[in-house]
N, C-alpha and C. Protein backbone atom coordinates (compact mmCIF):
# COMPACT_ATOMS: atom_id res chain seq x y z
N UNK A 1 0.83 -1.20 0.00
CA UNK A 1 0.00 0.00 0.00
C UNK A 1 0.87 1.26 0.00
N UNK A 2 1.93 1.22 0.79
CA UNK A 2 2.82 2.37 0.89
C UNK A 2 3.51 2.64 -0.45
N UNK A 3 3.92 1.58 -1.13
CA UNK A 3 4.58 1.75 -2.43
C UNK A 3 3.62 2.32 -3.47
N UNK A 4 2.37 1.90 -3.41
CA UNK A 4 1.37 2.43 -4.33
C UNK A 4 1.18 3.92 -4.11
N UNK A 5 1.13 4.32 -2.85
CA UNK A 5 0.98 5.74 -2.51
C UNK A 5 2.18 6.54 -3.01
N UNK A 6 3.36 6.04 -2.80
CA UNK A 6 4.58 6.73 -3.26
C UNK A 6 4.57 6.82 -4.78
N UNK A 7 4.19 5.74 -5.44
CA UNK A 7 4.13 5.75 -6.90
C UNK A 7 3.12 6.78 -7.40
N UNK A 8 1.95 6.83 -6.80
CA UNK A 8 0.93 7.79 -7.21
C UNK A 8 1.38 9.23 -6.96
N UNK A 9 2.07 9.47 -5.86
CA UNK A 9 2.60 10.81 -5.59
C UNK A 9 3.64 11.19 -6.64
N UNK A 10 4.54 10.28 -6.96
CA UNK A 10 5.56 10.56 -7.99
C UNK A 10 4.93 10.80 -9.36
N UNK A 11 3.92 10.01 -9.69
CA UNK A 11 3.25 10.18 -10.98
C UNK A 11 2.55 11.54 -11.04
N UNK A 12 1.88 11.91 -9.94
CA UNK A 12 1.19 13.20 -9.90
C UNK A 12 2.18 14.36 -9.97
N UNK A 13 3.24 14.28 -9.20
CA UNK A 13 4.27 15.34 -9.26
C UNK A 13 4.91 15.38 -10.64
N UNK A 14 5.16 14.21 -11.21
CA UNK A 14 5.74 14.14 -12.55
C UNK A 14 4.83 14.79 -13.57
N UNK A 15 3.53 14.60 -13.43
CA UNK A 15 2.58 15.20 -14.36
C UNK A 15 2.67 16.72 -14.31
N UNK A 16 2.54 17.28 -13.11
CA UNK A 16 2.49 18.74 -13.00
C UNK A 16 3.84 19.40 -13.30
N UNK A 17 4.89 18.92 -12.68
CA UNK A 17 6.19 19.56 -12.88
C UNK A 17 6.78 19.22 -14.25
N UNK A 18 6.56 17.99 -14.71
CA UNK A 18 7.04 17.62 -16.04
C UNK A 18 6.34 18.40 -17.13
N UNK A 19 5.05 18.57 -17.01
CA UNK A 19 4.29 19.35 -17.99
C UNK A 19 4.75 20.79 -18.02
N UNK A 20 4.96 21.35 -16.82
CA UNK A 20 5.42 22.74 -16.73
C UNK A 20 6.81 22.90 -17.36
N UNK A 21 7.71 22.00 -17.05
CA UNK A 21 9.07 22.08 -17.61
C UNK A 21 9.06 21.88 -19.12
N UNK A 22 8.22 20.96 -19.60
CA UNK A 22 8.15 20.71 -21.04
C UNK A 22 7.61 21.93 -21.78
N UNK A 23 6.57 22.55 -21.25
CA UNK A 23 6.00 23.75 -21.88
C UNK A 23 7.02 24.88 -21.92
N UNK A 24 7.74 25.04 -20.83
CA UNK A 24 8.77 26.08 -20.77
C UNK A 24 9.87 25.81 -21.79
N UNK A 25 10.28 24.56 -21.92
CA UNK A 25 11.33 24.20 -22.86
C UNK A 25 10.86 24.40 -24.30
N UNK A 26 9.64 24.00 -24.62
CA UNK A 26 9.11 24.18 -25.96
C UNK A 26 9.00 25.66 -26.31
N UNK A 27 8.58 26.47 -25.36
CA UNK A 27 8.49 27.92 -25.60
C UNK A 27 9.88 28.48 -25.90
N UNK A 28 10.87 28.05 -25.15
CA UNK A 28 12.25 28.49 -25.38
C UNK A 28 12.75 28.05 -26.76
N UNK A 29 12.43 26.83 -27.14
CA UNK A 29 12.85 26.32 -28.45
C UNK A 29 12.22 27.15 -29.57
N UNK A 30 10.94 27.42 -29.47
CA UNK A 30 10.25 28.20 -30.51
C UNK A 30 10.86 29.59 -30.64
N UNK A 31 11.13 30.23 -29.52
CA UNK A 31 11.71 31.58 -29.57
C UNK A 31 13.09 31.56 -30.23
N UNK A 32 13.92 30.59 -29.88
CA UNK A 32 15.26 30.52 -30.46
C UNK A 32 15.23 30.09 -31.92
N UNK A 33 14.27 29.24 -32.29
CA UNK A 33 14.14 28.84 -33.70
C UNK A 33 13.79 30.04 -34.57
N UNK A 34 12.95 30.93 -34.07
CA UNK A 34 12.58 32.11 -34.83
C UNK A 34 13.80 32.99 -35.10
N UNK A 35 14.70 33.07 -34.15
CA UNK A 35 15.91 33.87 -34.31
C UNK A 35 16.89 33.19 -35.27
N UNK A 36 17.04 31.88 -35.16
CA UNK A 36 18.05 31.16 -35.93
C UNK A 36 17.55 30.59 -37.26
N UNK A 37 16.29 30.86 -37.62
CA UNK A 37 15.76 30.34 -38.89
C UNK A 37 16.46 30.94 -40.10
N UNK A 38 17.13 32.08 -39.93
CA UNK A 38 17.83 32.69 -41.06
C UNK A 38 19.09 31.91 -41.45
N UNK A 39 19.52 31.00 -40.58
CA UNK A 39 20.68 30.16 -40.87
C UNK A 39 20.18 28.78 -41.30
N UNK A 40 20.16 28.50 -42.62
CA UNK A 40 19.62 27.22 -43.08
C UNK A 40 20.50 26.03 -42.69
N UNK A 41 19.85 24.95 -42.34
CA UNK A 41 20.53 23.68 -42.06
C UNK A 41 19.82 22.62 -42.88
N UNK A 42 20.58 21.93 -43.74
CA UNK A 42 19.96 20.96 -44.63
C UNK A 42 20.73 19.65 -44.65
N UNK A 43 20.04 18.60 -45.05
CA UNK A 43 20.64 17.27 -45.07
C UNK A 43 21.41 17.00 -46.36
N UNK A 44 21.36 17.90 -47.32
CA UNK A 44 22.05 17.70 -48.60
C UNK A 44 23.53 17.40 -48.39
N UNK A 45 24.05 16.42 -49.13
CA UNK A 45 25.46 16.04 -48.98
C UNK A 45 26.38 16.93 -49.79
N UNK A 46 25.82 17.72 -50.70
CA UNK A 46 26.65 18.51 -51.60
C UNK A 46 26.48 20.00 -51.31
N UNK A 47 27.59 20.70 -51.09
CA UNK A 47 27.51 22.13 -50.78
C UNK A 47 27.19 22.93 -52.04
N UNK A 48 26.72 24.15 -51.87
CA UNK A 48 26.50 25.00 -53.04
C UNK A 48 27.83 25.32 -53.72
N UNK A 49 27.77 25.50 -55.02
CA UNK A 49 28.98 25.74 -55.81
C UNK A 49 29.10 27.21 -56.22
N UNK A 50 28.44 28.11 -55.54
CA UNK A 50 28.37 29.50 -55.96
C UNK A 50 29.34 30.43 -55.23
N UNK A 51 30.48 29.94 -54.78
CA UNK A 51 31.44 30.82 -54.13
C UNK A 51 32.52 30.07 -53.39
N UNK A 52 33.42 30.85 -52.85
CA UNK A 52 34.52 30.30 -52.06
C UNK A 52 34.10 30.25 -50.59
N UNK A 53 34.19 29.08 -50.01
CA UNK A 53 33.80 28.89 -48.62
C UNK A 53 34.88 28.15 -47.86
N UNK A 54 34.99 28.49 -46.60
CA UNK A 54 35.75 27.65 -45.68
C UNK A 54 34.73 26.71 -45.03
N UNK A 55 35.19 25.54 -44.65
CA UNK A 55 34.29 24.58 -44.03
C UNK A 55 34.69 24.34 -42.59
N UNK A 56 33.69 24.18 -41.74
CA UNK A 56 33.92 23.96 -40.31
C UNK A 56 32.88 22.97 -39.80
N UNK A 57 33.34 21.93 -39.11
CA UNK A 57 32.41 20.99 -38.49
C UNK A 57 31.77 21.67 -37.29
N UNK A 58 30.45 21.62 -37.22
CA UNK A 58 29.73 22.19 -36.08
C UNK A 58 28.82 21.10 -35.52
N UNK A 59 28.56 21.18 -34.23
CA UNK A 59 27.71 20.16 -33.62
C UNK A 59 26.98 20.74 -32.41
N UNK A 60 25.95 20.05 -32.04
CA UNK A 60 25.21 20.39 -30.83
C UNK A 60 24.63 19.11 -30.26
N UNK A 61 24.65 19.00 -28.96
CA UNK A 61 24.07 17.81 -28.35
C UNK A 61 23.27 18.19 -27.12
N UNK A 62 22.36 17.31 -26.76
CA UNK A 62 21.50 17.54 -25.61
C UNK A 62 21.16 16.19 -24.98
N UNK A 63 20.98 16.20 -23.68
CA UNK A 63 20.51 15.02 -22.95
C UNK A 63 19.19 15.42 -22.29
N UNK A 64 18.15 14.65 -22.57
CA UNK A 64 16.83 14.95 -22.03
C UNK A 64 16.25 13.69 -21.40
N UNK A 65 15.63 13.87 -20.22
CA UNK A 65 15.00 12.75 -19.51
C UNK A 65 13.49 12.93 -19.52
N UNK A 66 12.79 11.83 -19.49
CA UNK A 66 11.34 11.85 -19.38
C UNK A 66 10.95 11.97 -17.91
N UNK A 67 9.73 12.43 -17.64
CA UNK A 67 9.26 12.53 -16.26
C UNK A 67 8.53 11.25 -15.84
N UNK A 68 8.24 11.14 -14.56
CA UNK A 68 7.60 9.92 -14.03
C UNK A 68 6.23 9.68 -14.64
N UNK A 69 5.46 10.74 -14.87
CA UNK A 69 4.12 10.57 -15.43
C UNK A 69 4.19 9.95 -16.82
N UNK A 70 5.03 10.51 -17.68
CA UNK A 70 5.12 9.99 -19.04
C UNK A 70 5.69 8.57 -19.05
N UNK A 71 6.60 8.28 -18.14
CA UNK A 71 7.14 6.93 -18.04
C UNK A 71 6.04 5.96 -17.62
N UNK A 72 5.20 6.38 -16.69
CA UNK A 72 4.08 5.56 -16.23
C UNK A 72 3.09 5.31 -17.37
N UNK A 73 2.73 6.36 -18.10
CA UNK A 73 1.80 6.23 -19.22
C UNK A 73 2.39 5.34 -20.31
N UNK A 74 3.68 5.51 -20.59
CA UNK A 74 4.33 4.67 -21.61
C UNK A 74 4.33 3.21 -21.18
N UNK A 75 4.51 2.96 -19.90
CA UNK A 75 4.46 1.59 -19.39
C UNK A 75 3.09 0.97 -19.60
N UNK A 76 2.03 1.75 -19.37
CA UNK A 76 0.68 1.26 -19.62
C UNK A 76 0.46 1.00 -21.10
N UNK A 77 1.01 1.89 -21.93
CA UNK A 77 0.86 1.74 -23.38
C UNK A 77 1.58 0.47 -23.85
N UNK A 78 2.71 0.15 -23.22
CA UNK A 78 3.43 -1.07 -23.57
C UNK A 78 2.60 -2.31 -23.29
N UNK A 79 1.78 -2.26 -22.25
CA UNK A 79 0.93 -3.41 -21.92
C UNK A 79 -0.11 -3.66 -23.00
N UNK A 80 -0.68 -2.60 -23.54
CA UNK A 80 -1.77 -2.72 -24.49
C UNK A 80 -1.34 -2.57 -25.94
N UNK A 81 -0.12 -2.11 -26.15
CA UNK A 81 0.39 -1.91 -27.50
C UNK A 81 -0.03 -0.56 -28.07
N UNK A 82 0.63 -0.19 -29.13
CA UNK A 82 0.29 1.07 -29.80
C UNK A 82 1.46 2.04 -29.79
N UNK A 83 1.19 3.19 -30.35
CA UNK A 83 2.19 4.25 -30.48
C UNK A 83 2.44 4.90 -29.12
N UNK A 84 3.71 5.09 -28.78
CA UNK A 84 4.07 5.72 -27.50
C UNK A 84 4.39 7.18 -27.78
N UNK A 85 3.35 8.00 -27.82
CA UNK A 85 3.52 9.40 -28.20
C UNK A 85 4.31 10.20 -27.17
N UNK A 86 4.35 9.74 -25.92
CA UNK A 86 5.12 10.47 -24.91
C UNK A 86 6.60 10.47 -25.24
N UNK A 87 7.09 9.40 -25.84
CA UNK A 87 8.49 9.36 -26.24
C UNK A 87 8.75 10.15 -27.51
N UNK A 88 7.71 10.25 -28.35
CA UNK A 88 7.86 11.05 -29.57
C UNK A 88 8.10 12.52 -29.25
N UNK A 89 7.37 13.04 -28.27
CA UNK A 89 7.59 14.44 -27.88
C UNK A 89 8.98 14.63 -27.27
N UNK A 90 9.43 13.64 -26.54
CA UNK A 90 10.77 13.69 -25.96
C UNK A 90 11.82 13.77 -27.06
N UNK A 91 11.71 12.91 -28.06
CA UNK A 91 12.66 12.91 -29.18
C UNK A 91 12.58 14.19 -30.00
N UNK A 92 11.36 14.70 -30.21
CA UNK A 92 11.19 15.93 -30.97
C UNK A 92 11.89 17.10 -30.28
N UNK A 93 11.67 17.24 -28.99
CA UNK A 93 12.33 18.32 -28.24
C UNK A 93 13.84 18.17 -28.28
N UNK A 94 14.32 16.95 -28.13
CA UNK A 94 15.77 16.71 -28.13
C UNK A 94 16.39 17.05 -29.48
N UNK A 95 15.77 16.61 -30.57
CA UNK A 95 16.31 16.92 -31.90
C UNK A 95 16.33 18.42 -32.16
N UNK A 96 15.23 19.08 -31.84
CA UNK A 96 15.16 20.52 -32.09
C UNK A 96 16.19 21.27 -31.26
N UNK A 97 16.37 20.87 -30.01
CA UNK A 97 17.37 21.52 -29.15
C UNK A 97 18.78 21.28 -29.67
N UNK A 98 19.07 20.07 -30.12
CA UNK A 98 20.41 19.76 -30.65
C UNK A 98 20.71 20.59 -31.90
N UNK A 99 19.72 20.74 -32.77
CA UNK A 99 19.91 21.55 -33.97
C UNK A 99 20.13 23.01 -33.60
N UNK A 100 19.40 23.51 -32.63
CA UNK A 100 19.59 24.89 -32.20
C UNK A 100 21.00 25.11 -31.66
N UNK A 101 21.50 24.18 -30.89
CA UNK A 101 22.86 24.31 -30.35
C UNK A 101 23.90 24.23 -31.46
N UNK A 102 23.64 23.39 -32.46
CA UNK A 102 24.55 23.31 -33.62
C UNK A 102 24.53 24.65 -34.37
N UNK A 103 23.35 25.20 -34.58
CA UNK A 103 23.24 26.48 -35.28
C UNK A 103 23.91 27.61 -34.50
N UNK A 104 23.81 27.59 -33.18
CA UNK A 104 24.47 28.61 -32.38
C UNK A 104 25.98 28.54 -32.54
N UNK A 105 26.52 27.33 -32.60
CA UNK A 105 27.96 27.19 -32.82
C UNK A 105 28.34 27.70 -34.22
N UNK A 106 27.52 27.38 -35.21
CA UNK A 106 27.79 27.84 -36.58
C UNK A 106 27.72 29.36 -36.66
N UNK A 107 26.78 29.93 -35.93
CA UNK A 107 26.63 31.39 -35.92
C UNK A 107 27.87 32.07 -35.33
N UNK A 108 28.50 31.44 -34.35
CA UNK A 108 29.73 31.98 -33.76
C UNK A 108 30.86 32.03 -34.77
N UNK A 109 30.81 31.14 -35.77
CA UNK A 109 31.82 31.11 -36.83
C UNK A 109 31.41 31.97 -38.02
N UNK A 110 30.30 32.70 -37.91
CA UNK A 110 29.73 33.51 -38.99
C UNK A 110 29.40 32.66 -40.23
N UNK A 111 28.87 31.50 -40.02
CA UNK A 111 28.51 30.61 -41.13
C UNK A 111 27.27 31.13 -41.84
N UNK A 112 27.19 30.83 -43.13
CA UNK A 112 26.03 31.21 -43.93
C UNK A 112 25.08 30.05 -44.15
N UNK A 113 25.56 28.85 -43.95
CA UNK A 113 24.78 27.67 -44.27
C UNK A 113 25.39 26.46 -43.56
N UNK A 114 24.54 25.51 -43.18
CA UNK A 114 25.02 24.23 -42.65
C UNK A 114 24.46 23.15 -43.56
N UNK A 115 25.32 22.31 -44.10
CA UNK A 115 24.85 21.23 -44.96
C UNK A 115 25.34 19.90 -44.41
N UNK A 116 24.80 18.83 -44.98
CA UNK A 116 25.12 17.46 -44.57
C UNK A 116 24.84 17.24 -43.08
N UNK A 117 23.68 17.72 -42.63
CA UNK A 117 23.29 17.60 -41.22
C UNK A 117 22.89 16.16 -40.93
N UNK A 118 23.43 15.62 -39.86
CA UNK A 118 23.14 14.25 -39.42
C UNK A 118 22.76 14.26 -37.94
N UNK A 119 22.07 13.21 -37.52
CA UNK A 119 21.66 13.05 -36.12
C UNK A 119 22.15 11.71 -35.61
N UNK A 120 22.57 11.69 -34.38
CA UNK A 120 22.87 10.44 -33.66
C UNK A 120 22.03 10.47 -32.39
N UNK A 121 21.33 9.38 -32.14
CA UNK A 121 20.49 9.29 -30.95
C UNK A 121 20.93 8.10 -30.12
N UNK A 122 21.08 8.32 -28.81
CA UNK A 122 21.51 7.25 -27.91
C UNK A 122 20.61 7.19 -26.70
N UNK A 123 20.27 6.00 -26.29
CA UNK A 123 19.56 5.78 -25.04
C UNK A 123 20.64 5.61 -23.97
N UNK A 124 20.76 6.54 -23.08
CA UNK A 124 21.83 6.45 -22.08
C UNK A 124 21.30 6.08 -20.69
N UNK A 125 20.02 5.69 -20.62
CA UNK A 125 19.47 5.29 -19.33
C UNK A 125 19.64 3.81 -19.06
N UNK A 126 20.02 3.05 -20.06
CA UNK A 126 20.15 1.60 -19.89
C UNK A 126 18.85 0.91 -20.24
N UNK A 127 18.94 -0.36 -20.51
CA UNK A 127 17.78 -1.13 -20.94
C UNK A 127 17.05 -1.80 -19.77
N UNK A 128 17.68 -1.88 -18.64
CA UNK A 128 17.12 -2.69 -17.56
C UNK A 128 16.85 -1.85 -16.33
N UNK A 129 16.35 -2.48 -15.30
CA UNK A 129 16.07 -1.87 -14.00
C UNK A 129 14.97 -0.83 -14.05
N UNK A 130 14.20 -0.78 -15.14
CA UNK A 130 13.06 0.13 -15.27
C UNK A 130 13.42 1.57 -14.96
N UNK A 131 14.56 2.01 -15.43
CA UNK A 131 14.96 3.39 -15.24
C UNK A 131 14.16 4.30 -16.15
N UNK A 132 14.10 5.58 -15.80
CA UNK A 132 13.43 6.55 -16.66
C UNK A 132 14.22 6.71 -17.94
N UNK A 133 13.53 6.90 -19.06
CA UNK A 133 14.24 7.07 -20.32
C UNK A 133 15.04 8.38 -20.34
N UNK A 134 16.29 8.27 -20.66
CA UNK A 134 17.17 9.42 -20.82
C UNK A 134 17.84 9.23 -22.18
N UNK A 135 17.67 10.22 -23.05
CA UNK A 135 18.27 10.10 -24.37
C UNK A 135 19.22 11.25 -24.63
N UNK A 136 20.20 10.97 -25.47
CA UNK A 136 21.10 12.01 -25.95
C UNK A 136 20.92 12.08 -27.45
N UNK A 137 20.78 13.30 -27.95
CA UNK A 137 20.73 13.52 -29.39
C UNK A 137 21.90 14.43 -29.73
N UNK A 138 22.64 14.02 -30.74
CA UNK A 138 23.80 14.78 -31.21
C UNK A 138 23.54 15.13 -32.67
N UNK A 139 23.51 16.42 -32.98
CA UNK A 139 23.34 16.89 -34.37
C UNK A 139 24.67 17.48 -34.81
N UNK A 140 25.07 17.15 -36.04
CA UNK A 140 26.31 17.72 -36.55
C UNK A 140 26.20 17.92 -38.04
N UNK A 141 26.99 18.85 -38.53
CA UNK A 141 26.99 19.16 -39.95
C UNK A 141 28.20 19.99 -40.31
N UNK A 142 28.29 20.38 -41.57
CA UNK A 142 29.40 21.18 -42.07
C UNK A 142 28.91 22.59 -42.31
N UNK A 143 29.51 23.53 -41.60
CA UNK A 143 29.16 24.94 -41.77
C UNK A 143 30.00 25.54 -42.87
N UNK A 144 29.38 26.33 -43.71
CA UNK A 144 30.08 27.04 -44.78
C UNK A 144 30.25 28.50 -44.37
N UNK A 145 31.52 28.93 -44.39
CA UNK A 145 31.86 30.29 -43.97
C UNK A 145 32.44 30.99 -45.20
N UNK A 146 31.86 32.12 -45.57
CA UNK A 146 32.31 32.86 -46.75
C UNK A 146 33.75 33.30 -46.55
N UNK A 147 34.57 33.01 -47.55
CA UNK A 147 36.00 33.40 -47.49
C UNK A 147 36.20 34.85 -47.81
């Protein structure tokens, strides 16, 4: 009974505080994306051929953890099957944050464009012991700097 109470308290706290933190993070991402949208980042493997550029590897990474509520809901979803949308939002926030950090680094080099953008995603929470999901997303690409 005591464990059930503790679990319900953690799930409830996870819902309120996790939701608040996620909303705050998404708002921050949207604001920074609006500022950095002028710096294009594309997956194309071939750079533009319209000038002399220096090239610089740029990257950004982020580690994001899920909250207890979303972990609880995902566990229930695993029992019944189906899409685990709580993890999709986690991955979306992580990818967007990693790209923003990569763009910020490129901006420091006065880059005009980032091409050949790639993502690496890692689960760093481990597969066992029912730990909360913690993922790292690393975005990297080649920044073109006008010579």
